[in-house]
């Protein structure tokens, strides 16, 4: 069963159009979404997340046609972790997670009800830190985990990750992949947007290629990076160049002269 279906979605902007785009994300799978800059990946996901309204076409959640805004997307279990985190640095981890969804009584937030649940989720994702710590004290990888926790706290069953490894170290990237696989094992669906084809091939159960606002290819696990690159730029003579040579100790590996900025 498909968790999400976008059928014949069209959205027009000055100079750019998403055109008759169809995408299905089965429940409990990781869907890689790739394309060149400006292909329409983030625009499509903002439609799915309720930030934009499509000019035409339909969205189905669990097989039922729906219309919604961002608040409606959250109620339907659709969460998004943006490339630029939506966080307030001086507020605590707890406050950032429960923002706009905190239980209250007589106008006062009931922190005690949420602190235990948030602490448990932090531990699950390997964050041995108090929920009361200002989020600005965390490193980038930790802050990204908090964004994922926030989406799950709000009940996300479909999680959109927009360029999630762009600012992560290799170690943080491997930890993110572990989390993604764990969520997939729980039946959650992940949409993984990235320009790093090696990562998409590594984690994606299926890979969707968008070019100039249209889906041009659907690929299964095991596809080669070269095949994805060819579909992205519509050229059959494309070959990704890999440098497997190991340098000698003391050899210059990078040199720059007379740079101005």
C-alpha atoms as a PDB file:
ATOM      1  CA  UNK A   1       0.000   0.000   0.000  1.00  0.00           C
ATOM      2  CA  UNK A   2       1.196   3.508  -0.823  1.00  0.00           C
ATOM      3  CA  UNK A   3       1.533   5.896   2.099  1.00  0.00           C
ATOM      4  CA  UNK A   4       1.527   8.873  -0.271  1.00  0.00           C
ATOM      5  CA  UNK A   5       0.494   9.375  -3.894  1.00  0.00           C
ATOM      6  CA  UNK A   6       0.839  12.568  -5.923  1.00  0.00           C
ATOM      7  CA  UNK A   7      -1.159  12.310  -9.136  1.00  0.00           C
ATOM      8  CA  UNK A   8      -0.652  14.615 -12.131  1.00  0.00           C
ATOM      9  CA  UNK A   9       0.485  17.518  -9.952  1.00  0.00           C
ATOM     10  CA  UNK A  10       1.114  20.812 -11.760  1.00  0.00           C
ATOM     11  CA  UNK A  11       2.406  24.039 -10.223  1.00  0.00           C
ATOM     12  CA  UNK A  12       3.399  27.056 -12.278  1.00  0.00           C
ATOM     13  CA  UNK A  13       5.792  29.830 -11.261  1.00  0.00           C
ATOM     14  CA  UNK A  14       7.266  32.591 -13.457  1.00  0.00           C
ATOM     15  CA  UNK A  15       9.925  30.816 -15.490  1.00  0.00           C
ATOM     16  CA  UNK A  16       9.339  27.340 -14.021  1.00  0.00           C
ATOM     17  CA  UNK A  17       6.590  24.725 -14.045  1.00  0.00           C
ATOM     18  CA  UNK A  18       6.123  21.414 -12.292  1.00  0.00           C
ATOM     19  CA  UNK A  19       4.257  19.572 -15.011  1.00  0.00           C
ATOM     20  CA  UNK A  20       1.881  16.604 -14.653  1.00  0.00           C
ATOM     21  CA  UNK A  21       4.073  15.031 -12.005  1.00  0.00           C
ATOM     22  CA  UNK A  22       3.166  11.680 -10.450  1.00  0.00           C
ATOM     23  CA  UNK A  23       4.954  10.086  -7.496  1.00  0.00           C
ATOM     24  CA  UNK A  24       4.085   7.185  -5.179  1.00  0.00           C
ATOM     25  CA  UNK A  25       5.812   6.340  -1.893  1.00  0.00           C
ATOM     26  CA  UNK A  26       4.946   2.866  -0.544  1.00  0.00           C
ATOM     27  CA  UNK A  27       4.601   2.417   3.187  1.00  0.00           C
ATOM     28  CA  UNK A  28       7.808   1.375   4.945  1.00  0.00           C
ATOM     29  CA  UNK A  29      10.194   2.338   2.140  1.00  0.00           C
ATOM     30  CA  UNK A  30      12.950   4.868   1.521  1.00  0.00           C
ATOM     31  CA  UNK A  31      12.399   6.849  -1.679  1.00  0.00           C
ATOM     32  CA  UNK A  32      15.420   8.717  -3.024  1.00  0.00           C
ATOM     33  CA  UNK A  33      14.554  11.915  -4.896  1.00  0.00           C
ATOM     34  CA  UNK A  34      17.255  13.358  -7.154  1.00  0.00           C
ATOM     35  CA  UNK A  35      17.648  15.986  -9.850  1.00  0.00           C
ATOM     36  CA  UNK A  36      19.807  18.924 -10.803  1.00  0.00           C
ATOM     37  CA  UNK A  37      19.513  22.261  -9.009  1.00  0.00           C
ATOM     38  CA  UNK A  38      16.217  23.823 -10.009  1.00  0.00           C
ATOM     39  CA  UNK A  39      14.681  20.553 -11.195  1.00  0.00           C
ATOM     40  CA  UNK A  40      11.750  20.959  -8.794  1.00  0.00           C
ATOM     41  CA  UNK A  41      12.521  18.551  -5.945  1.00  0.00           C
ATOM     42  CA  UNK A  42      12.009  20.950  -3.052  1.00  0.00           C
ATOM     43  CA  UNK A  43       9.027  22.610  -4.739  1.00  0.00           C
ATOM     44  CA  UNK A  44       7.327  19.217  -5.050  1.00  0.00           C
ATOM     45  CA  UNK A  45       8.027  18.418  -1.407  1.00  0.00           C
ATOM     46  CA  UNK A  46       6.662  21.782  -0.291  1.00  0.00           C
ATOM     47  CA  UNK A  47       3.450  20.903  -2.098  1.00  0.00           C
ATOM     48  CA  UNK A  48       3.395  17.569  -0.286  1.00  0.00           C
ATOM     49  CA  UNK A  49       4.090  19.331   3.043  1.00  0.00           C
ATOM     50  CA  UNK A  50       1.300  21.844   2.477  1.00  0.00           C
ATOM     51  CA  UNK A  51       3.458  24.963   2.061  1.00  0.00           C
ATOM     52  CA  UNK A  52       2.386  25.338  -1.584  1.00  0.00           C
ATOM     53  CA  UNK A  53      -0.952  24.479  -3.148  1.00  0.00           C
ATOM     54  CA  UNK A  54      -0.850  22.690  -6.492  1.00  0.00           C
ATOM     55  CA  UNK A  55      -2.598  24.363  -9.437  1.00  0.00           C
ATOM     56  CA  UNK A  56      -3.981  20.983 -10.453  1.00  0.00           C
ATOM     57  CA  UNK A  57      -3.638  17.311  -9.578  1.00  0.00           C
ATOM     58  CA  UNK A  58      -4.393  15.369  -6.394  1.00  0.00           C
ATOM     59  CA  UNK A  59      -2.636  14.090  -3.291  1.00  0.00           C
ATOM     60  CA  UNK A  60      -3.712  10.845  -1.650  1.00  0.00           C
ATOM     61  CA  UNK A  61      -2.759   9.743   1.859  1.00  0.00           C
ATOM     62  CA  UNK A  62      -3.432   6.067   2.597  1.00  0.00           C
ATOM     63  CA  UNK A  63      -5.459   5.921  -0.608  1.00  0.00           C
ATOM     64  CA  UNK A  64      -7.767   8.843   0.200  1.00  0.00           C
ATOM     65  CA  UNK A  65      -7.689  12.208  -1.657  1.00  0.00           C
ATOM     66  CA  UNK A  66      -6.874  15.077   0.723  1.00  0.00           C
ATOM     67  CA  UNK A  67      -6.277  18.829   0.689  1.00  0.00           C
ATOM     68  CA  UNK A  68      -4.413  20.576   3.500  1.00  0.00           C
ATOM     69  CA  UNK A  69      -1.970  23.233   4.684  1.00  0.00           C
ATOM     70  CA  UNK A  70       1.144  22.684   6.843  1.00  0.00           C
ATOM     71  CA  UNK A  71      -0.919  22.138   9.999  1.00  0.00           C
ATOM     72  CA  UNK A  72      -3.064  19.676   8.091  1.00  0.00           C
ATOM     73  CA  UNK A  73       0.017  17.834   6.830  1.00  0.00           C
ATOM     74  CA  UNK A  74       1.193  17.317  10.406  1.00  0.00           C
ATOM     75  CA  UNK A  75      -2.225  15.943  11.386  1.00  0.00           C
ATOM     76  CA  UNK A  76      -2.008  13.533   8.448  1.00  0.00           C
ATOM     77  CA  UNK A  77       1.413  12.369   9.636  1.00  0.00           C
ATOM     78  CA  UNK A  78       3.574  14.163   7.060  1.00  0.00           C
ATOM     79  CA  UNK A  79       6.722  15.742   8.510  1.00  0.00           C
ATOM     80  CA  UNK A  80       9.604  17.604   6.864  1.00  0.00           C
ATOM     81  CA  UNK A  81      13.151  18.286   8.018  1.00  0.00           C
ATOM     82  CA  UNK A  82      14.310  21.316   6.056  1.00  0.00           C
ATOM     83  CA  UNK A  83      17.882  21.832   4.925  1.00  0.00           C
ATOM     84  CA  UNK A  84      17.928  25.030   7.006  1.00  0.00           C
ATOM     85  CA  UNK A  85      16.664  24.027  10.429  1.00  0.00           C
ATOM     86  CA  UNK A  86      13.521  25.734  11.716  1.00  0.00           C
ATOM     87  CA  UNK A  87      14.886  26.285  15.237  1.00  0.00           C
ATOM     88  CA  UNK A  88      15.203  29.123  17.746  1.00  0.00           C
ATOM     89  CA  UNK A  89      18.730  28.856  19.144  1.00  0.00           C
ATOM     90  CA  UNK A  90      18.102  30.483  22.538  1.00  0.00           C
ATOM     91  CA  UNK A  91      15.138  28.242  23.299  1.00  0.00           C
ATOM     92  CA  UNK A  92      15.626  24.816  24.859  1.00  0.00           C
ATOM     93  CA  UNK A  93      15.512  21.512  23.019  1.00  0.00           C
ATOM     94  CA  UNK A  94      12.181  20.792  24.697  1.00  0.00           C
ATOM     95  CA  UNK A  95      10.689  24.134  23.687  1.00  0.00           C
ATOM     96  CA  UNK A  96      11.806  23.725  20.078  1.00  0.00           C
ATOM     97  CA  UNK A  97      10.252  20.266  19.871  1.00  0.00           C
ATOM     98  CA  UNK A  98       6.879  21.081  21.437  1.00  0.00           C
ATOM     99  CA  UNK A  99       6.550  24.544  19.897  1.00  0.00           C
ATOM    100  CA  UNK A 100       2.985  25.122  18.624  1.00  0.00           C
ATOM    101  CA  UNK A 101       1.851  21.735  19.953  1.00  0.00           C
ATOM    102  CA  UNK A 102       2.469  21.988  23.683  1.00  0.00           C
ATOM    103  CA  UNK A 103      -0.283  20.818  26.055  1.00  0.00           C
ATOM    104  CA  UNK A 104      -1.528  23.686  28.176  1.00  0.00           C
ATOM    105  CA  UNK A 105      -4.000  24.468  30.913  1.00  0.00           C
ATOM    106  CA  UNK A 106      -5.350  27.899  31.819  1.00  0.00           C
ATOM    107  CA  UNK A 107      -2.809  29.389  29.417  1.00  0.00           C
ATOM    108  CA  UNK A 108       0.225  27.671  31.021  1.00  0.00           C
ATOM    109  CA  UNK A 109       2.302  25.050  29.230  1.00  0.00           C
ATOM    110  CA  UNK A 110       2.395  21.725  31.056  1.00  0.00           C
ATOM    111  CA  UNK A 111       6.083  20.922  30.595  1.00  0.00           C
ATOM    112  CA  UNK A 112       6.038  17.943  32.943  1.00  0.00           C
ATOM    113  CA  UNK A 113       3.753  16.001  30.601  1.00  0.00           C
ATOM    114  CA  UNK A 114       6.137  16.323  27.671  1.00  0.00           C
ATOM    115  CA  UNK A 115       9.601  16.362  29.294  1.00  0.00           C
ATOM    116  CA  UNK A 116       9.659  12.622  30.005  1.00  0.00           C
ATOM    117  CA  UNK A 117       8.562  11.687  26.490  1.00  0.00           C
ATOM    118  CA  UNK A 118      11.085  14.042  24.888  1.00  0.00           C
ATOM    119  CA  UNK A 119      13.890  12.764  27.170  1.00  0.00           C
ATOM    120  CA  UNK A 120      13.102   9.190  26.126  1.00  0.00           C
ATOM    121  CA  UNK A 121      13.195  10.136  22.435  1.00  0.00           C
ATOM    122  CA  UNK A 122      16.512  11.957  22.888  1.00  0.00           C
ATOM    123  CA  UNK A 123      18.053   8.846  24.456  1.00  0.00           C
ATOM    124  CA  UNK A 124      16.695   6.659  21.677  1.00  0.00           C
ATOM    125  CA  UNK A 125      18.544   8.755  19.120  1.00  0.00           C
ATOM    126  CA  UNK A 126      21.761   8.756  21.131  1.00  0.00           C
ATOM    127  CA  UNK A 127      21.473  12.257  22.609  1.00  0.00           C
ATOM    128  CA  UNK A 128      22.483  12.062  26.265  1.00  0.00           C
ATOM    129  CA  UNK A 129      21.571  15.663  26.991  1.00  0.00           C
ATOM    130  CA  UNK A 130      18.973  17.442  29.088  1.00  0.00           C
ATOM    131  CA  UNK A 131      15.862  18.636  27.217  1.00  0.00           C
ATOM    132  CA  UNK A 132      16.379  21.999  28.935  1.00  0.00           C
ATOM    133  CA  UNK A 133      19.705  22.725  27.179  1.00  0.00           C
ATOM    134  CA  UNK A 134      19.496  25.612  24.656  1.00  0.00           C
ATOM    135  CA  UNK A 135      19.452  24.095  21.195  1.00  0.00           C
ATOM    136  CA  UNK A 136      22.137  26.534  20.037  1.00  0.00           C
ATOM    137  CA  UNK A 137      24.703  24.589  22.105  1.00  0.00           C
ATOM    138  CA  UNK A 138      24.286  21.441  19.988  1.00  0.00           C
ATOM    139  CA  UNK A 139      26.410  20.555  16.966  1.00  0.00           C
ATOM    140  CA  UNK A 140      24.824  20.338  13.510  1.00  0.00           C
ATOM    141  CA  UNK A 141      24.306  16.568  13.603  1.00  0.00           C
ATOM    142  CA  UNK A 142      22.619  16.778  17.003  1.00  0.00           C
ATOM    143  CA  UNK A 143      20.363  19.607  15.878  1.00  0.00           C
ATOM    144  CA  UNK A 144      19.281  17.564  12.875  1.00  0.00           C
ATOM    145  CA  UNK A 145      18.366  14.688  15.182  1.00  0.00           C
ATOM    146  CA  UNK A 146      16.232  17.105  17.189  1.00  0.00           C
ATOM    147  CA  UNK A 147      14.404  18.099  13.978  1.00  0.00           C
ATOM    148  CA  UNK A 148      13.688  14.423  13.254  1.00  0.00           C
ATOM    149  CA  UNK A 149      12.547  13.916  16.840  1.00  0.00           C
ATOM    150  CA  UNK A 150      10.247  16.922  16.510  1.00  0.00           C
ATOM    151  CA  UNK A 151       8.625  15.452  13.398  1.00  0.00           C
ATOM    152  CA  UNK A 152       8.156  12.094  15.118  1.00  0.00           C
ATOM    153  CA  UNK A 153       6.828  13.783  18.269  1.00  0.00           C
ATOM    154  CA  UNK A 154       4.175  15.407  16.084  1.00  0.00           C
ATOM    155  CA  UNK A 155       3.240  11.966  14.733  1.00  0.00           C
ATOM    156  CA  UNK A 156       5.052  11.830  11.377  1.00  0.00           C
ATOM    157  CA  UNK A 157       4.555   8.595   9.431  1.00  0.00           C
ATOM    158  CA  UNK A 158       6.008  10.068   6.241  1.00  0.00           C
ATOM    159  CA  UNK A 159       9.276  11.942   6.779  1.00  0.00           C
ATOM    160  CA  UNK A 160      10.748  14.260   4.122  1.00  0.00           C
ATOM    161  CA  UNK A 161      14.500  14.847   4.498  1.00  0.00           C
ATOM    162  CA  UNK A 162      15.719  17.720   2.312  1.00  0.00           C
ATOM    163  CA  UNK A 163      19.484  17.445   1.702  1.00  0.00           C
ATOM    164  CA  UNK A 164      19.994  15.945   5.180  1.00  0.00           C
ATOM    165  CA  UNK A 165      23.695  15.106   4.768  1.00  0.00           C
ATOM    166  CA  UNK A 166      24.798  18.410   3.216  1.00  0.00           C
ATOM    167  CA  UNK A 167      26.378  19.666   6.456  1.00  0.00           C
ATOM    168  CA  UNK A 168      27.105  16.363   8.228  1.00  0.00           C
ATOM    169  CA  UNK A 169      30.438  14.663   8.828  1.00  0.00           C
ATOM    170  CA  UNK A 170      30.852  11.107   7.466  1.00  0.00           C
ATOM    171  CA  UNK A 171      30.299   9.718  10.981  1.00  0.00           C
ATOM    172  CA  UNK A 172      27.117  11.778  11.425  1.00  0.00           C
ATOM    173  CA  UNK A 173      25.929  10.650   7.995  1.00  0.00           C
ATOM    174  CA  UNK A 174      26.310   6.970   8.933  1.00  0.00           C
ATOM    175  CA  UNK A 175      24.414   7.615  12.174  1.00  0.00           C
ATOM    176  CA  UNK A 176      21.618   9.279  10.161  1.00  0.00           C
ATOM    177  CA  UNK A 177      21.434   6.251   7.854  1.00  0.00           C
ATOM    178  CA  UNK A 178      21.104   3.997  10.908  1.00  0.00           C
ATOM    179  CA  UNK A 179      18.193   6.105  12.155  1.00  0.00           C
ATOM    180  CA  UNK A 180      16.529   6.059   8.729  1.00  0.00           C
ATOM    181  CA  UNK A 181      16.739   2.267   8.519  1.00  0.00           C
ATOM    182  CA  UNK A 182      15.328   1.976  12.038  1.00  0.00           C
ATOM    183  CA  UNK A 183      12.365   4.201  11.141  1.00  0.00           C
ATOM    184  CA  UNK A 184      11.799   2.200   7.965  1.00  0.00           C
ATOM    185  CA  UNK A 185      11.714  -0.967  10.075  1.00  0.00           C
ATOM    186  CA  UNK A 186       8.891   0.608  12.089  1.00  0.00           C
ATOM    187  CA  UNK A 187       6.842   1.048   8.910  1.00  0.00           C
ATOM    188  CA  UNK A 188       7.562   4.729   8.344  1.00  0.00           C
ATOM    189  CA  UNK A 189       8.150   6.085   4.837  1.00  0.00           C
ATOM    190  CA  UNK A 190      11.157   8.297   4.106  1.00  0.00           C
ATOM    191  CA  UNK A 191      11.661  10.671   1.175  1.00  0.00           C
ATOM    192  CA  UNK A 192      15.406  11.300   0.930  1.00  0.00           C
ATOM    193  CA  UNK A 193      16.451  14.283  -1.226  1.00  0.00           C
ATOM    194  CA  UNK A 194      20.144  14.495  -2.056  1.00  0.00           C
ATOM    195  CA  UNK A 195      22.691  15.433  -4.712  1.00  0.00           C
ATOM    196  CA  UNK A 196      25.059  12.764  -3.381  1.00  0.00           C
ATOM    197  CA  UNK A 197      24.262   9.857  -5.689  1.00  0.00           C
ATOM    198  CA  UNK A 198      26.374   7.381  -3.742  1.00  0.00           C
ATOM    199  CA  UNK A 199      24.231   7.990  -0.657  1.00  0.00           C
ATOM    200  CA  UNK A 200      20.970   7.758  -2.608  1.00  0.00           C
ATOM    201  CA  UNK A 201      22.039   4.410  -4.063  1.00  0.00           C
ATOM    202  CA  UNK A 202      23.071   3.231  -0.596  1.00  0.00           C
ATOM    203  CA  UNK A 203      19.805   3.977   1.226  1.00  0.00           C
ATOM    204  CA  UNK A 204      17.087   4.160  -1.440  1.00  0.00           C
ATOM    205  CA  UNK A 205      14.659   1.291  -2.020  1.00  0.00           C
ATOM    206  CA  UNK A 206      13.544   3.178  -5.105  1.00  0.00           C
ATOM    207  CA  UNK A 207      14.882   6.319  -6.746  1.00  0.00           C
ATOM    208  CA  UNK A 208      12.862   8.967  -8.582  1.00  0.00           C
ATOM    209  CA  UNK A 209      14.656  11.316 -10.978  1.00  0.00           C
ATOM    210  CA  UNK A 210      13.161  14.756 -11.699  1.00  0.00           C
ATOM    211  CA  UNK A 211      14.330  16.895 -14.619  1.00  0.00           C
ATOM    212  CA  UNK A 212      12.896  20.315 -15.510  1.00  0.00           C
ATOM    213  CA  UNK A 213       9.793  19.806 -13.392  1.00  0.00           C
ATOM    214  CA  UNK A 214       8.933  16.309 -14.614  1.00  0.00           C
ATOM    215  CA  UNK A 215       9.561  12.755 -13.416  1.00  0.00           C
ATOM    216  CA  UNK A 216      11.833  11.231 -16.057  1.00  0.00           C
ATOM    217  CA  UNK A 217      12.863   7.958 -14.398  1.00  0.00           C
ATOM    218  CA  UNK A 218      11.887   5.529 -11.629  1.00  0.00           C
ATOM    219  CA  UNK A 219      14.693   3.206 -10.581  1.00  0.00           C
ATOM    220  CA  UNK A 220      14.923   0.262  -8.181  1.00  0.00           C
ATOM    221  CA  UNK A 221      17.551  -0.586  -5.564  1.00  0.00           C
ATOM    222  CA  UNK A 222      20.827  -1.670  -7.137  1.00  0.00           C
ATOM    223  CA  UNK A 223      20.872   0.943  -9.893  1.00  0.00           C
ATOM    224  CA  UNK A 224      24.275   2.399 -10.786  1.00  0.00           C
ATOM    225  CA  UNK A 225      25.226   6.015 -10.101  1.00  0.00           C
ATOM    226  CA  UNK A 226      26.047   6.562 -13.798  1.00  0.00           C
ATOM    227  CA  UNK A 227      22.502   5.568 -14.788  1.00  0.00           C
ATOM    228  CA  UNK A 228      21.048   8.144 -12.363  1.00  0.00           C
ATOM    229  CA  UNK A 229      23.408  10.869 -13.637  1.00  0.00           C
ATOM    230  CA  UNK A 230      22.440  10.154 -17.254  1.00  0.00           C
ATOM    231  CA  UNK A 231      18.752  10.450 -16.434  1.00  0.00           C
ATOM    232  CA  UNK A 232      19.338  13.702 -14.514  1.00  0.00           C
ATOM    233  CA  UNK A 233      21.064  15.504 -17.401  1.00  0.00           C
ATOM    234  CA  UNK A 234      19.586  13.547 -20.350  1.00  0.00           C
ATOM    235  CA  UNK A 235      22.897  12.457 -21.822  1.00  0.00           C
ATOM    236  CA  UNK A 236      23.942   8.877 -22.485  1.00  0.00           C
ATOM    237  CA  UNK A 237      27.686   9.577 -22.661  1.00  0.00           C
ATOM    238  CA  UNK A 238      27.901  10.695 -19.018  1.00  0.00           C
ATOM    239  CA  UNK A 239      30.481   8.931 -16.852  1.00  0.00           C
ATOM    240  CA  UNK A 240      31.170   9.796 -13.225  1.00  0.00           C
ATOM    241  CA  UNK A 241      34.913  10.137 -12.692  1.00  0.00           C
ATOM    242  CA  UNK A 242      36.283   8.523  -9.551  1.00  0.00           C
ATOM    243  CA  UNK A 243      39.846   8.979  -8.373  1.00  0.00           C
ATOM    244  CA  UNK A 244      40.909   5.758  -6.649  1.00  0.00           C
ATOM    245  CA  UNK A 245      44.629   6.517  -6.735  1.00  0.00           C
ATOM    246  CA  UNK A 246      46.350   6.813  -3.360  1.00  0.00           C
ATOM    247  CA  UNK A 247      48.843   9.650  -3.046  1.00  0.00           C
ATOM    248  CA  UNK A 248      52.331   9.353  -1.634  1.00  0.00           C
ATOM    249  CA  UNK A 249      53.140  10.696   1.829  1.00  0.00           C
ATOM    250  CA  UNK A 250      54.242  14.300   1.477  1.00  0.00           C
ATOM    251  CA  UNK A 251      52.751  14.674  -2.013  1.00  0.00           C
ATOM    252  CA  UNK A 252      50.853  17.919  -2.659  1.00  0.00           C
ATOM    253  CA  UNK A 253      47.169  17.110  -3.003  1.00  0.00           C
ATOM    254  CA  UNK A 254      45.828  20.656  -3.335  1.00  0.00           C
ATOM    255  CA  UNK A 255      47.468  23.916  -4.358  1.00  0.00           C
ATOM    256  CA  UNK A 256      46.007  27.411  -4.769  1.00  0.00           C
ATOM    257  CA  UNK A 257      47.825  30.607  -5.728  1.00  0.00           C
ATOM    258  CA  UNK A 258      46.913  34.299  -5.978  1.00  0.00           C
ATOM    259  CA  UNK A 259      43.310  33.913  -4.834  1.00  0.00           C
ATOM    260  CA  UNK A 260      41.138  36.992  -4.477  1.00  0.00           C
ATOM    261  CA  UNK A 261      37.683  37.265  -2.972  1.00  0.00           C
END
